[in-house]
N, C-alpha and C. Protein backbone atom coordinates (compact mmCIF):
# COMPACT_ATOMS: atom_id res chain seq x y z
N MET A 1 -17.29 64.50 2.01
CA MET A 1 -16.81 63.11 2.03
C MET A 1 -15.24 63.27 2.23
N ASN A 2 -14.81 62.20 3.01
CA ASN A 2 -13.32 62.41 3.33
C ASN A 2 -13.04 61.22 1.99
N ARG A 3 -11.95 62.00 1.12
CA ARG A 3 -11.80 60.98 0.05
C ARG A 3 -10.52 60.12 0.58
N ILE A 4 -10.46 59.15 0.47
CA ILE A 4 -9.70 57.92 0.45
C ILE A 4 -8.76 57.76 -0.72
N ASN A 5 -7.16 57.71 -0.50
CA ASN A 5 -6.62 57.46 -1.61
C ASN A 5 -6.53 55.77 -2.12
N ARG A 6 -7.04 55.81 -3.44
CA ARG A 6 -7.13 54.45 -3.75
C ARG A 6 -7.10 54.61 -5.35
N ASP A 7 -6.61 53.17 -5.65
CA ASP A 7 -6.60 53.09 -7.17
C ASP A 7 -7.66 52.42 -7.66
N LEU A 8 -8.69 52.77 -8.68
CA LEU A 8 -9.57 52.08 -9.01
C LEU A 8 -9.26 52.11 -10.74
N LEU A 9 -9.48 50.88 -10.97
CA LEU A 9 -9.33 50.68 -12.71
C LEU A 9 -10.65 50.54 -13.30
N VAL A 10 -11.45 51.18 -13.67
CA VAL A 10 -12.77 51.26 -14.27
C VAL A 10 -12.64 51.35 -15.85
N LEU A 11 -13.52 50.33 -16.34
CA LEU A 11 -13.23 50.16 -17.96
C LEU A 11 -14.63 50.70 -18.40
N PHE A 12 -14.69 51.78 -19.31
CA PHE A 12 -15.75 52.43 -19.98
C PHE A 12 -15.48 52.15 -21.49
N ASN A 13 -16.85 52.36 -22.23
CA ASN A 13 -16.87 52.50 -23.54
C ASN A 13 -16.78 53.96 -23.84
N GLN A 14 -15.64 54.63 -24.09
CA GLN A 14 -15.88 56.16 -24.49
C GLN A 14 -16.56 56.30 -25.27
N GLU A 15 -16.99 55.59 -26.29
CA GLU A 15 -17.73 55.84 -27.35
C GLU A 15 -19.22 56.31 -26.93
N LEU A 16 -19.71 55.79 -25.65
CA LEU A 16 -20.86 55.42 -25.32
C LEU A 16 -21.12 56.54 -24.05
N MET A 17 -20.12 57.26 -23.38
CA MET A 17 -20.12 57.70 -22.58
C MET A 17 -19.37 59.11 -22.69
N SER A 18 -19.87 60.18 -22.17
CA SER A 18 -19.06 61.57 -22.22
C SER A 18 -17.83 61.48 -20.80
N PRO A 19 -17.08 62.22 -21.22
CA PRO A 19 -16.13 62.48 -19.65
C PRO A 19 -16.92 63.02 -18.62
N LYS A 20 -18.00 63.61 -18.34
CA LYS A 20 -18.66 63.88 -17.38
C LYS A 20 -19.42 62.81 -16.84
N ALA A 21 -20.07 62.10 -17.88
CA ALA A 21 -20.89 60.92 -17.24
C ALA A 21 -19.78 59.89 -16.63
N MET A 22 -18.50 59.48 -16.89
CA MET A 22 -17.43 58.79 -16.54
C MET A 22 -17.08 59.02 -15.24
N GLU A 23 -16.58 60.60 -15.16
CA GLU A 23 -16.45 60.92 -13.93
C GLU A 23 -17.53 60.97 -12.85
N ASN A 24 -19.20 60.95 -13.28
CA ASN A 24 -20.35 60.66 -12.45
C ASN A 24 -20.08 59.19 -11.88
N GLU A 25 -19.93 58.09 -12.60
CA GLU A 25 -20.03 57.20 -12.35
C GLU A 25 -18.92 56.84 -11.50
N VAL A 26 -17.61 57.32 -11.48
CA VAL A 26 -16.41 56.83 -10.65
C VAL A 26 -16.81 57.59 -9.36
N GLU A 27 -17.37 58.46 -9.34
CA GLU A 27 -17.87 59.32 -7.89
C GLU A 27 -18.63 58.61 -7.50
N LEU A 28 -19.87 57.70 -8.17
CA LEU A 28 -21.18 56.92 -7.22
C LEU A 28 -20.35 55.72 -6.89
N LEU A 29 -19.32 55.10 -7.78
CA LEU A 29 -18.90 54.02 -7.10
C LEU A 29 -17.79 54.05 -6.15
N HIS A 30 -17.14 55.25 -5.82
CA HIS A 30 -16.50 55.52 -4.76
C HIS A 30 -17.41 55.99 -3.46
N GLU A 31 -18.52 56.12 -3.58
CA GLU A 31 -19.44 56.70 -2.26
C GLU A 31 -20.18 55.13 -2.36
N LEU A 32 -20.34 54.35 -3.36
CA LEU A 32 -20.68 53.09 -2.93
C LEU A 32 -19.89 52.05 -2.06
N LEU A 33 -18.24 52.31 -2.44
CA LEU A 33 -17.47 51.63 -1.87
C LEU A 33 -17.06 51.86 -0.30
N PHE A 34 -17.34 53.46 -0.51
CA PHE A 34 -17.06 54.22 1.11
C PHE A 34 -18.14 53.82 2.03
N THR A 35 -19.47 53.46 1.63
CA THR A 35 -20.67 52.84 2.24
C THR A 35 -20.01 51.31 2.66
N VAL A 36 -19.65 50.71 1.90
CA VAL A 36 -19.57 48.93 2.00
C VAL A 36 -18.52 48.94 3.00
N GLU A 37 -17.38 49.56 2.90
CA GLU A 37 -16.27 49.64 3.76
C GLU A 37 -16.18 49.77 5.06
N ARG A 38 -17.36 50.31 5.43
CA ARG A 38 -17.44 50.65 6.85
C ARG A 38 -17.17 49.78 7.74
N LEU A 39 -16.49 50.14 9.02
CA LEU A 39 -16.45 49.08 9.86
C LEU A 39 -17.83 48.05 10.17
N GLU A 40 -18.68 48.49 10.50
CA GLU A 40 -20.29 48.51 11.09
C GLU A 40 -20.53 47.24 9.90
N ASN A 41 -20.57 47.62 8.89
CA ASN A 41 -20.61 46.71 7.87
C ASN A 41 -20.10 45.62 7.34
N LEU A 42 -18.46 45.90 7.77
CA LEU A 42 -17.59 44.49 7.78
C LEU A 42 -17.87 43.55 9.02
N VAL A 43 -18.11 44.02 10.01
CA VAL A 43 -18.56 43.28 11.19
C VAL A 43 -19.65 42.42 10.82
N THR A 44 -20.66 43.13 10.33
CA THR A 44 -22.15 42.28 10.40
C THR A 44 -21.71 41.29 9.34
N ALA A 45 -21.02 41.48 8.16
CA ALA A 45 -20.99 40.53 7.36
C ALA A 45 -19.64 39.29 7.36
N HIS A 46 -18.90 39.59 8.52
CA HIS A 46 -17.87 38.71 8.80
C HIS A 46 -17.69 37.75 10.06
N GLU A 47 -17.17 37.14 10.38
CA GLU A 47 -16.83 36.25 11.73
C GLU A 47 -15.23 35.87 11.40
N ILE A 48 -15.00 35.90 12.93
CA ILE A 48 -13.51 35.32 13.02
C ILE A 48 -13.36 34.02 13.54
N ILE A 49 -12.61 33.24 12.56
CA ILE A 49 -12.01 31.84 13.19
C ILE A 49 -10.77 31.77 13.65
N ASP A 50 -10.70 31.21 14.80
CA ASP A 50 -9.57 31.23 15.62
C ASP A 50 -9.36 29.65 15.71
N LEU A 51 -8.39 29.27 14.98
CA LEU A 51 -7.98 27.71 15.07
C LEU A 51 -7.11 27.38 16.45
N ASN A 52 -6.56 28.56 17.08
CA ASN A 52 -5.59 28.10 18.18
C ASN A 52 -6.67 27.73 19.29
N LYS A 53 -7.71 28.62 19.53
CA LYS A 53 -8.51 28.28 20.63
C LYS A 53 -9.60 27.59 20.01
N TYR A 54 -9.83 26.86 18.92
CA TYR A 54 -10.85 26.45 18.36
C TYR A 54 -12.23 27.15 18.45
N LYS A 55 -12.11 28.38 18.23
CA LYS A 55 -13.52 29.32 18.35
C LYS A 55 -13.88 29.55 17.11
N ILE A 56 -15.07 30.31 17.16
CA ILE A 56 -15.53 31.22 16.19
C ILE A 56 -16.21 32.20 16.77
N ILE A 57 -15.66 33.39 16.58
CA ILE A 57 -15.97 34.81 17.36
C ILE A 57 -17.01 35.63 16.34
N ASN A 58 -18.05 35.96 16.85
CA ASN A 58 -19.12 36.80 16.13
C ASN A 58 -19.48 38.08 17.10
N LYS A 59 -19.06 38.43 18.25
CA LYS A 59 -18.97 39.28 19.21
C LYS A 59 -18.74 40.55 17.95
N GLU A 60 -19.25 41.65 18.24
CA GLU A 60 -19.44 42.74 17.44
C GLU A 60 -18.10 43.42 17.71
N ILE A 61 -18.06 43.68 19.26
CA ILE A 61 -17.12 44.46 19.87
C ILE A 61 -15.69 43.63 19.50
N THR A 62 -15.53 42.50 19.67
CA THR A 62 -14.44 41.64 19.40
C THR A 62 -13.93 41.85 18.09
N LEU A 63 -14.89 41.71 17.44
CA LEU A 63 -14.57 41.59 16.02
C LEU A 63 -13.92 43.01 15.31
N SER A 64 -14.50 43.96 15.96
CA SER A 64 -13.92 45.19 15.38
C SER A 64 -12.68 45.45 15.73
N LYS A 65 -12.26 44.89 17.13
CA LYS A 65 -11.07 45.22 17.57
C LYS A 65 -10.04 44.20 16.76
N ILE A 66 -10.48 43.20 16.36
CA ILE A 66 -9.51 42.45 15.54
C ILE A 66 -9.42 43.08 14.15
N ILE A 67 -10.28 43.35 13.63
CA ILE A 67 -10.29 43.91 12.47
C ILE A 67 -9.33 44.97 12.32
N ARG A 68 -9.54 45.71 13.36
CA ARG A 68 -8.53 47.19 13.14
C ARG A 68 -6.86 46.73 13.48
N LEU A 69 -6.68 45.41 13.87
CA LEU A 69 -5.31 45.07 13.70
C LEU A 69 -4.45 45.27 12.42
N GLN A 70 -3.46 45.54 12.38
CA GLN A 70 -2.44 45.55 11.17
C GLN A 70 -2.29 44.11 10.70
N GLU A 71 -2.38 43.06 11.74
CA GLU A 71 -1.96 41.66 11.18
C GLU A 71 -2.61 41.06 12.23
N LEU A 72 -3.11 39.73 11.67
CA LEU A 72 -3.73 38.65 12.55
C LEU A 72 -2.73 37.65 13.13
N LYS A 73 -3.05 37.30 14.02
CA LYS A 73 -2.08 36.23 14.74
C LYS A 73 -1.93 34.86 13.69
N PRO A 74 -1.19 33.92 13.65
CA PRO A 74 -1.27 32.94 12.87
C PRO A 74 -2.24 31.85 13.18
N PHE A 75 -2.93 31.47 12.46
CA PHE A 75 -4.13 30.60 12.53
C PHE A 75 -5.43 31.47 12.92
N VAL A 76 -5.48 32.43 12.64
CA VAL A 76 -6.90 33.42 12.84
C VAL A 76 -7.33 34.26 11.84
N PHE A 77 -8.46 33.58 11.10
CA PHE A 77 -9.19 34.06 9.99
C PHE A 77 -10.18 35.01 10.01
N LEU A 78 -10.32 35.85 8.99
CA LEU A 78 -11.51 36.54 8.73
C LEU A 78 -12.19 35.87 7.94
N ASN A 79 -13.56 35.64 8.31
CA ASN A 79 -14.15 34.59 7.31
C ASN A 79 -15.60 35.31 7.08
N CYS A 80 -15.97 35.46 5.77
CA CYS A 80 -17.02 36.06 5.38
C CYS A 80 -18.23 35.26 5.44
N LYS A 81 -19.37 35.74 5.80
CA LYS A 81 -20.64 34.74 6.18
C LYS A 81 -21.41 34.53 5.03
N ASN A 82 -21.34 35.31 3.95
CA ASN A 82 -21.90 34.87 2.64
C ASN A 82 -21.31 33.75 1.84
């Protein structure tokens, strides 16, 4: 698996877990985040609200193009459907 550089703050009770168990938990958390943060999953769970054109965009191709942009245009918002 390709590792992404990220900072995670994980709080454990050291008395209850061994260092090996803590390392295992962090690895499982990394795998979970890797799966959740995939572009296909983001596209499924979000929509774009464009107040410039008064539109809500749900098309997967358009959503993926907009999500890949470094910065959204003014008054264009990424909205979670949940």
